[in-house]
Structure formats: C-alpha cells, structure tokens
Amino acid sequence: MRIAIYGYGNLGRGVEAMAAKNPDVSVTGIFTRRDPSSVTPVSGLNVYPASAVTDFGGDIDVVINCGGSATDLPATTPMLASSFNTVDSFDTHAKIPEHFAAVDAAARQGGNLALISAGWDPGMFSLARVYTSSAVPGGNIYTFWGRGVSQGHSDAIRRIPGVADARQYTVPVPEALEAVRRGECPELTTRDKHLRECWVVAEEGADRAAIEQAIVTMPYYFDEYDTTVNFISEEELLRDHSGLPHGGSVIYNASSGFENEHTHTVEYSLRLDSNPEFTAGVLIACARAVHRMSLRGVTGCISMLDVAPADLSPLSGEELRHLML
C-alpha cells in the first residue's frame, strides 16, 4: 500500500515513524505547505509542496491527511477525497455529521473512498462504545479523557491571534471517574467530567486578557468546561510541556436479568506516551482498510464503525483466526 503524508506536524511525523513499523506500507512522499527545503524528515522521505499532490495520482493508494480539525481538515479532506482515497483524524465530535456529509459528496463525485475521524477518540473509543452498548443495551456510557495533551485543542489555541505556542491538558475530575468505576451511574454534565488546563506562550505585546477570553469562550473546545489559562515563557513550555502523552477510558455500566439484578461494568482504557504516534498507527490501519475496501468497489465516506476488524490488520484471515480469535 502506497500512502502519502499530507501535512508534517506532530501527526505527520507520527505517520512517518509508524509507517516504518508496517512492512506492507510504503510512503510516496510528504506533502507540506511549508517550504519543502526547510523540512528534513528523519526517514529521508522526499518532500513536496502540498499543491503537488495531484501530480502523484498514479503513485498513491491512500492520502493520510494530517492537518488539524479546527480549520484544516474541513477544507482539505473534501479536496483530497475528490481525487484520492483519504483518511483523516477529524475530532470535533459535534461537527462530525457536517464533515461526513461534505467528504461523502466529494468522495462520491471522485469515485473514491474516504474514512474520517480515525484515531482513538473518535475511533477506538467509538468502537468500545458501540461494542459494549450492543452487548448489554440500555446502560450508561461514560468517556473520560486524560490526563494528557490534546493536539486538537492545543492547535485551536495556537490559532488565536497573539499566541506563539500552547499546550492544553484534558484532566478527568477524579470524583466523577471513581463514581463511575464503582457502578454508581451518576448523571454528569460535560463540566462535571473534565477540566481543561492551558499553558500558553503569548507573543510580545499581546493582550493576554483577550487571549484568555478567546480560549474560555471557544465553542466546542472550552466553553462547556472549567478552564484555567496559565501564561508561561517559551523556555518553560519546552522544559515542562514538550511531551505529548494522553489516554483515557470508556466505561459502560449496565444491568441484565428480568429484575435487572445483575450489573456489569466494562472499561476500555488507553495510556499513551505519544498521542500522535498512536493516532498515526490507527490512521495507517484505517488506510489499509480503505485501500482494501476501495479495491472491492466501495466509495463515499465511512468511519471506523463501518470497517470490519480484519480489514485493519496486516495479518491474513487464517492468521487472525489462529492468533486473535
């Protein structure tokens, strides 16, 4: 499978690293909006201008779009899907139906297949929510993220005028998490479940009060959460916040029996030392599925909920049945 990496930030570098762990994957090149001569990939891959991607149509099976969800992916994924099989990691949950519709129209017009919102949430966590609620219907689904750095939220902060750099940590509220794990089935609002902690480097002379107000009132990202904004120096950010860990849990509480006398708690958890590299691994697996499904004639837009697990794996059906079933 020949992939192209479109965008070379943290996620693009993650795809570069994870491609080397997949022997059935080759990378045609990296396509970036930066000056290609300023980009030096660790793996020595060729780097091209983003606008040149359409010149490589015969050399690319799937484009992995590594842009940010705030402004990049809504524009670039439909554009790419009109010419290529495409995978992205769009993670603004409330806008997924809108993004799906735009990508579906573009992919169908081009006769291609696109998979959106791949990663661990949305993505792996989405599967956990569907699997558990399908087995024992009528329960309560809880999703907790963190503590960890959210790439999408950090990117959204960095796009605010006056912000030089930023990291945003999503932090579960401990009391809420433990109540769910005890099977108490509490009613929790968005604000009850998570805190958002922001570490921001402001440009010289920037209006810090305006930056803070823009952060805490940002729709879909911060307005429904208790959010703290901390201004620090670039040196402090690099010293204390250079890593990109993340993780979280999907917890499902449900009951069965004619009198609901039997209770069940199912938890699926991740603890990630590198959020972008794990997300990149999921994107590559989804690219594999998209390539296989495309060869079977599937077009339009899909999500991980539409993919058979066997299509994600480099193993054969026989190997999967022997090792995994």
Protein backbone atom coordinates (compact mmCIF):
# COMPACT_ATOMS: atom_id res chain seq x y z
CA MET A 1 0.00 0.00 0.00
CA ARG A 2 1.41 3.36 -1.06
CA ILE A 3 0.49 6.24 1.22
CA ALA A 4 1.12 9.97 1.10
CA ILE A 5 1.56 12.08 4.23
CA TYR A 6 -0.29 15.37 3.77
CA GLY A 7 0.91 17.78 6.46
CA TYR A 8 4.05 17.42 8.54
CA GLY A 9 3.32 18.49 12.10
CA ASN A 10 3.31 16.16 15.10
CA LEU A 11 0.80 13.80 13.49
CA GLY A 12 2.59 13.75 10.14
CA ARG A 13 5.86 12.89 11.86
CA GLY A 14 3.97 10.19 13.76
CA VAL A 15 2.76 8.66 10.49
CA GLU A 16 6.34 8.75 9.18
CA ALA A 17 7.56 6.86 12.26
CA MET A 18 4.72 4.33 12.32
CA ALA A 19 4.95 3.60 8.58
CA ALA A 20 8.35 2.08 9.27
CA LYS A 21 6.68 -0.47 11.58
CA ASN A 22 4.30 -1.65 8.85
CA PRO A 23 6.09 -3.79 6.24
CA ASP A 24 3.11 -3.65 3.87
CA VAL A 25 3.30 0.18 3.69
CA SER A 26 5.49 2.43 1.56
CA VAL A 27 5.42 6.23 1.63
CA THR A 28 5.33 8.03 -1.70
CA GLY A 29 6.26 11.32 -0.05
CA ILE A 30 5.46 14.09 2.38
CA PHE A 31 3.36 17.00 1.12
CA THR A 32 3.61 20.22 3.10
CA ARG A 33 2.50 23.84 2.91
CA ARG A 34 5.92 24.84 4.22
CA ASP A 35 8.94 25.34 2.00
CA PRO A 36 9.93 21.72 1.24
CA SER A 37 13.60 22.65 1.50
CA SER A 38 13.02 23.59 5.17
CA VAL A 39 11.70 20.10 6.06
CA THR A 40 14.15 17.30 6.85
CA PRO A 41 12.33 14.01 7.57
CA VAL A 42 14.09 11.59 9.88
CA SER A 43 13.48 8.74 7.43
CA GLY A 44 14.83 10.63 4.43
CA LEU A 45 11.50 10.67 2.60
CA ASN A 46 11.00 13.03 -0.32
CA VAL A 47 9.19 16.26 0.50
CA TYR A 48 6.96 18.12 -1.96
CA PRO A 49 4.72 21.19 -1.91
CA ALA A 50 1.17 20.40 -0.81
CA SER A 51 -0.12 21.68 -4.13
CA ALA A 52 1.87 19.00 -5.98
CA VAL A 53 -0.05 16.07 -4.51
CA THR A 54 -2.32 15.75 -7.55
CA ASP A 55 0.75 15.18 -9.72
CA PHE A 56 1.26 11.83 -7.97
CA GLY A 57 -2.16 10.30 -8.59
CA GLY A 58 -0.76 7.08 -10.04
CA ASP A 59 1.69 6.61 -7.16
CA ILE A 60 -0.65 6.99 -4.17
CA ASP A 61 -3.22 4.48 -2.93
CA VAL A 62 -4.31 6.47 0.15
CA VAL A 63 -3.57 10.02 1.33
CA ILE A 64 -3.35 10.36 5.11
CA ASN A 65 -4.41 13.92 5.90
CA CYS A 66 -2.53 15.06 9.00
CA GLY A 67 -4.00 18.55 9.37
CA GLY A 68 -5.80 19.99 12.38
CA SER A 69 -9.54 19.70 12.96
CA ALA A 70 -10.16 23.36 13.75
CA THR A 71 -9.71 24.76 10.25
CA ASP A 72 -7.55 22.44 8.10
CA LEU A 73 -9.49 19.20 7.76
CA PRO A 74 -12.91 20.71 6.93
CA ALA A 75 -11.31 22.25 3.84
CA THR A 76 -8.59 19.81 2.84
CA THR A 77 -10.24 16.42 3.37
CA PRO A 78 -13.07 17.07 0.86
CA MET A 79 -10.48 18.49 -1.55
CA LEU A 80 -8.28 15.41 -1.25
CA ALA A 81 -11.21 12.97 -1.30
CA SER A 82 -12.28 14.26 -4.70
CA SER A 83 -9.01 12.90 -6.14
CA PHE A 84 -7.75 10.21 -3.74
CA ASN A 85 -8.74 7.60 -1.23
CA THR A 86 -8.26 9.53 2.00
CA VAL A 87 -8.07 9.12 5.78
CA ASP A 88 -8.23 11.88 8.40
CA SER A 89 -8.49 12.27 12.18
CA PHE A 90 -11.22 14.91 12.42
CA ASP A 91 -12.09 15.03 16.13
CA THR A 92 -14.61 17.83 16.67
CA HIS A 93 -17.38 15.44 17.75
CA ALA A 94 -20.26 17.90 17.37
CA LYS A 95 -19.31 18.65 13.77
CA ILE A 96 -18.71 15.08 12.57
CA PRO A 97 -22.09 14.80 10.74
CA GLU A 98 -21.38 18.04 8.87
CA HIS A 99 -17.84 16.94 7.99
CA PHE A 100 -19.06 13.49 6.95
CA ALA A 101 -21.59 14.98 4.54
CA ALA A 102 -19.02 17.26 2.87
CA VAL A 103 -16.45 14.48 2.49
CA ASP A 104 -19.05 11.95 1.30
CA ALA A 105 -20.18 14.26 -1.51
CA ALA A 106 -16.60 14.90 -2.65
CA ALA A 107 -15.54 11.25 -2.47
CA ARG A 108 -18.57 10.01 -4.37
CA GLN A 109 -18.07 12.61 -7.08
CA GLY A 110 -14.48 11.44 -7.49
CA GLY A 111 -15.27 7.73 -7.19
CA ASN A 112 -13.05 7.44 -4.11
CA LEU A 113 -13.33 6.17 -0.54
CA ALA A 114 -12.63 8.38 2.48
CA LEU A 115 -12.56 7.46 6.15
CA ILE A 116 -12.91 10.33 8.63
CA SER A 117 -12.39 10.66 12.37
CA ALA A 118 -9.85 7.87 12.76
CA GLY A 119 -7.77 7.70 15.92
CA TRP A 120 -8.53 6.72 19.47
CA ASP A 121 -11.40 9.14 20.15
CA PRO A 122 -13.17 9.33 17.85
CA GLY A 123 -12.06 5.93 16.61
CA MET A 124 -11.05 3.15 19.01
CA PHE A 125 -13.21 4.61 21.79
CA SER A 126 -16.12 4.83 19.35
CA LEU A 127 -15.85 1.09 18.75
CA ALA A 128 -15.74 0.42 22.50
CA ARG A 129 -18.94 2.43 22.97
CA VAL A 130 -20.73 0.52 20.20
CA TYR A 131 -19.50 -2.95 21.21
CA THR A 132 -20.43 -2.66 24.87
CA SER A 133 -23.78 -0.96 24.38
CA SER A 134 -24.72 -3.54 21.73
CA ALA A 135 -23.98 -6.46 24.07
CA VAL A 136 -26.00 -5.13 27.02
CA PRO A 137 -28.38 -2.41 25.80
CA GLY A 138 -29.82 0.28 27.98
CA GLY A 139 -26.78 1.10 30.08
CA ASN A 140 -24.81 4.28 30.68
CA ILE A 141 -21.76 5.19 28.60
CA TYR A 142 -19.08 7.40 30.15
CA THR A 143 -15.97 8.65 28.37
CA PHE A 144 -13.06 10.20 30.23
CA TRP A 145 -10.01 11.68 28.53
CA GLY A 146 -6.61 12.35 30.06
CA ARG A 147 -4.71 13.44 31.85
CA GLY A 148 -2.98 14.29 28.61
CA VAL A 149 -2.20 16.78 25.88
CA SER A 150 -4.96 17.30 23.34
CA GLN A 151 -3.38 18.01 19.95
CA GLY A 152 -6.60 19.43 18.51
CA HIS A 153 -7.27 21.74 21.45
CA SER A 154 -3.65 22.87 21.57
CA ASP A 155 -3.82 23.62 17.84
CA ALA A 156 -7.03 25.62 18.34
CA ILE A 157 -5.32 27.78 20.98
CA ARG A 158 -2.29 28.37 18.76
CA ARG A 159 -4.57 29.83 16.09
CA ILE A 160 -5.73 32.63 18.40
CA PRO A 161 -4.09 35.96 17.48
CA GLY A 162 -1.26 36.76 19.87
CA VAL A 163 -0.48 33.13 20.79
CA ALA A 164 3.05 31.95 19.97
CA ASP A 165 2.67 28.40 21.29
CA ALA A 166 0.44 26.42 23.64
CA ARG A 167 -0.33 23.06 25.23
CA GLN A 168 -3.74 22.04 26.51
CA TYR A 169 -4.23 19.24 29.02
CA THR A 170 -7.54 17.45 29.43
CA VAL A 171 -7.92 16.32 33.05
CA PRO A 172 -10.65 13.94 34.36
CA VAL A 173 -12.41 15.03 37.53
CA PRO A 174 -11.27 12.28 39.96
CA GLU A 175 -14.50 12.11 41.94
CA ALA A 176 -16.58 11.61 38.80
CA LEU A 177 -14.27 8.94 37.41
CA GLU A 178 -14.27 6.89 40.61
CA ALA A 179 -18.07 7.13 40.99
CA VAL A 180 -18.49 5.67 37.51
CA ARG A 181 -15.98 2.89 38.18
CA ARG A 182 -17.96 1.97 41.31
CA GLY A 183 -21.01 1.49 39.10
CA GLU A 184 -23.00 4.32 40.67
CA CYS A 185 -24.26 5.58 37.27
CA PRO A 186 -24.12 9.28 38.17
CA GLU A 187 -25.68 11.92 35.93
CA LEU A 188 -22.74 14.00 34.80
CA THR A 189 -22.59 17.14 32.70
CA THR A 190 -19.67 17.91 30.42
CA ARG A 191 -18.34 20.25 33.10
CA ASP A 192 -18.67 17.58 35.79
CA LYS A 193 -16.37 15.14 33.97
CA HIS A 194 -13.33 17.14 32.85
CA LEU A 195 -11.17 20.16 33.49
CA ARG A 196 -9.15 21.90 30.78
CA GLU A 197 -5.72 23.23 31.68
CA CYS A 198 -3.97 25.55 29.23
CA TRP A 199 -0.32 26.60 29.15
CA VAL A 200 0.17 29.50 26.75
CA VAL A 201 3.16 31.40 25.39
CA ALA A 202 1.96 34.86 24.36
CA GLU A 203 3.65 36.95 21.69
CA GLU A 204 5.41 40.05 22.94
CA GLY A 205 2.89 42.83 23.50
CA ALA A 206 -0.13 40.53 23.04
CA ASP A 207 -3.32 41.21 25.01
CA ARG A 208 -3.29 38.33 27.48
CA ALA A 209 -6.78 39.11 28.79
CA ALA A 210 -8.17 38.90 25.25
CA ILE A 211 -6.35 35.61 24.65
CA GLU A 212 -7.74 34.12 27.85
CA GLN A 213 -11.26 35.27 26.99
CA ALA A 214 -10.96 33.79 23.49
CA ILE A 215 -9.90 30.45 24.97
CA VAL A 216 -12.51 30.05 27.70
CA THR A 217 -15.40 31.06 25.39
CA MET A 218 -14.32 28.98 22.35
CA PRO A 219 -17.32 26.87 21.20
CA TYR A 220 -16.89 23.07 21.05
CA TYR A 221 -13.47 23.30 22.71
CA PHE A 222 -13.61 25.17 26.04
CA ASP A 223 -16.90 26.94 26.65
CA GLU A 224 -18.55 23.97 28.39
CA TYR A 225 -15.60 23.24 30.72
CA ASP A 226 -13.93 24.75 33.76
CA THR A 227 -10.79 26.04 32.06
CA THR A 228 -7.63 27.52 33.55
CA VAL A 229 -5.21 29.56 31.42
CA ASN A 230 -1.57 29.86 32.52
CA PHE A 231 0.85 32.16 30.69
CA ILE A 232 4.46 30.95 30.65
CA SER A 233 7.66 31.53 28.70
CA GLU A 234 8.75 29.54 25.66
CA GLU A 235 11.58 28.10 27.75
CA GLU A 236 9.15 26.88 30.41
CA LEU A 237 6.90 25.33 27.77
CA LEU A 238 9.80 23.42 26.22
CA ARG A 239 11.14 22.37 29.61
CA ASP A 240 7.90 21.27 31.27
CA HIS A 241 5.44 20.53 28.45
CA SER A 242 7.39 19.15 25.49
CA GLY A 243 5.87 15.65 25.65
CA LEU A 244 2.58 14.58 24.07
CA PRO A 245 1.11 11.94 26.40
CA HIS A 246 -2.60 11.15 26.50
CA GLY A 247 -5.11 8.43 27.21
CA GLY A 248 -8.45 7.82 28.84
CA SER A 249 -11.25 5.36 29.41
CA VAL A 250 -14.64 4.35 28.08
CA ILE A 251 -16.68 2.90 30.93
CA TYR A 252 -20.05 1.23 30.41
CA ASN A 253 -22.37 0.46 33.31
CA ALA A 254 -25.37 -1.73 32.57
CA SER A 255 -27.65 -4.33 34.14
CA SER A 256 -29.32 -7.53 32.98
CA GLY A 257 -31.79 -10.07 34.27
CA PHE A 258 -35.56 -9.88 34.48
CA GLU A 259 -35.27 -7.74 37.60
CA ASN A 260 -32.03 -6.05 36.48
CA GLU A 261 -30.38 -7.95 39.32
CA HIS A 262 -27.03 -8.41 37.58
CA THR A 263 -24.75 -5.45 36.99
CA HIS A 264 -21.90 -5.16 34.52
CA THR A 265 -19.07 -2.66 34.26
CA VAL A 266 -16.90 -2.73 31.14
CA GLU A 267 -13.86 -0.47 30.85
CA TYR A 268 -11.61 0.11 27.85
CA SER A 269 -8.55 2.21 28.66
CA LEU A 270 -5.50 3.67 26.95
CA ARG A 271 -2.33 5.16 28.42
CA LEU A 272 -0.24 6.68 25.65
CA ASP A 273 3.27 8.04 25.91
CA SER A 274 2.92 9.56 22.44
CA ASN A 275 -0.56 10.62 21.40
CA PRO A 276 0.46 11.49 17.79
CA GLU A 277 2.31 8.22 17.20
CA PHE A 278 -0.56 6.06 18.47
CA THR A 279 -3.07 8.11 16.48
CA ALA A 280 -0.81 7.74 13.45
CA GLY A 281 -0.81 3.97 13.90
CA VAL A 282 -4.62 3.96 13.82
CA LEU A 283 -4.59 6.14 10.69
CA ILE A 284 -2.30 3.70 8.90
CA ALA A 285 -4.51 0.76 9.89
CA CYS A 286 -7.52 2.66 8.57
CA ALA A 287 -5.65 3.49 5.36
CA ARG A 288 -5.09 -0.26 4.91
CA ALA A 289 -8.82 -0.86 5.34
CA VAL A 290 -9.69 1.94 2.93
CA HIS A 291 -7.32 0.53 0.32
CA ARG A 292 -8.82 -2.96 0.61
CA MET A 293 -12.41 -1.73 0.61
CA SER A 294 -11.73 0.55 -2.35
CA LEU A 295 -10.45 -2.41 -4.35
CA ARG A 296 -13.81 -4.04 -3.62
CA GLY A 297 -15.59 -1.03 -5.15
CA VAL A 298 -16.69 0.86 -2.02
CA THR A 299 -16.91 4.65 -2.46
CA GLY A 300 -18.09 7.62 -0.43
CA CYS A 301 -17.35 8.41 3.20
CA ILE A 302 -17.14 5.98 6.13
CA SER A 303 -15.89 5.89 9.71
CA MET A 304 -14.24 3.17 11.77
CA LEU A 305 -17.74 1.98 12.68
CA ASP A 306 -18.13 0.80 9.08
CA VAL A 307 -14.88 -1.18 8.93
CA ALA A 308 -14.52 -4.91 9.61
CA PRO A 309 -11.66 -5.53 12.10
CA ALA A 310 -9.95 -7.91 9.67
CA ASP A 311 -9.55 -5.10 7.13
CA LEU A 312 -7.48 -3.09 9.62
CA SER A 313 -4.93 -5.82 10.21
CA PRO A 314 -1.89 -6.73 8.10
CA LEU A 315 -2.49 -10.37 9.08
CA SER A 316 -4.35 -12.80 6.83
CA GLY A 317 -7.73 -14.20 7.79
CA GLU A 318 -6.13 -17.52 8.67
CA GLU A 319 -3.55 -15.80 10.88
CA LEU A 320 -6.20 -13.73 12.60
CA ARG A 321 -8.36 -16.76 13.35
CA HIS A 322 -5.33 -18.61 14.73
CA LEU A 323 -3.82 -15.79 16.78
CA MET A 324 -6.61 -13.40 17.69
CA LEU A 325 -9.95 -15.21 17.65
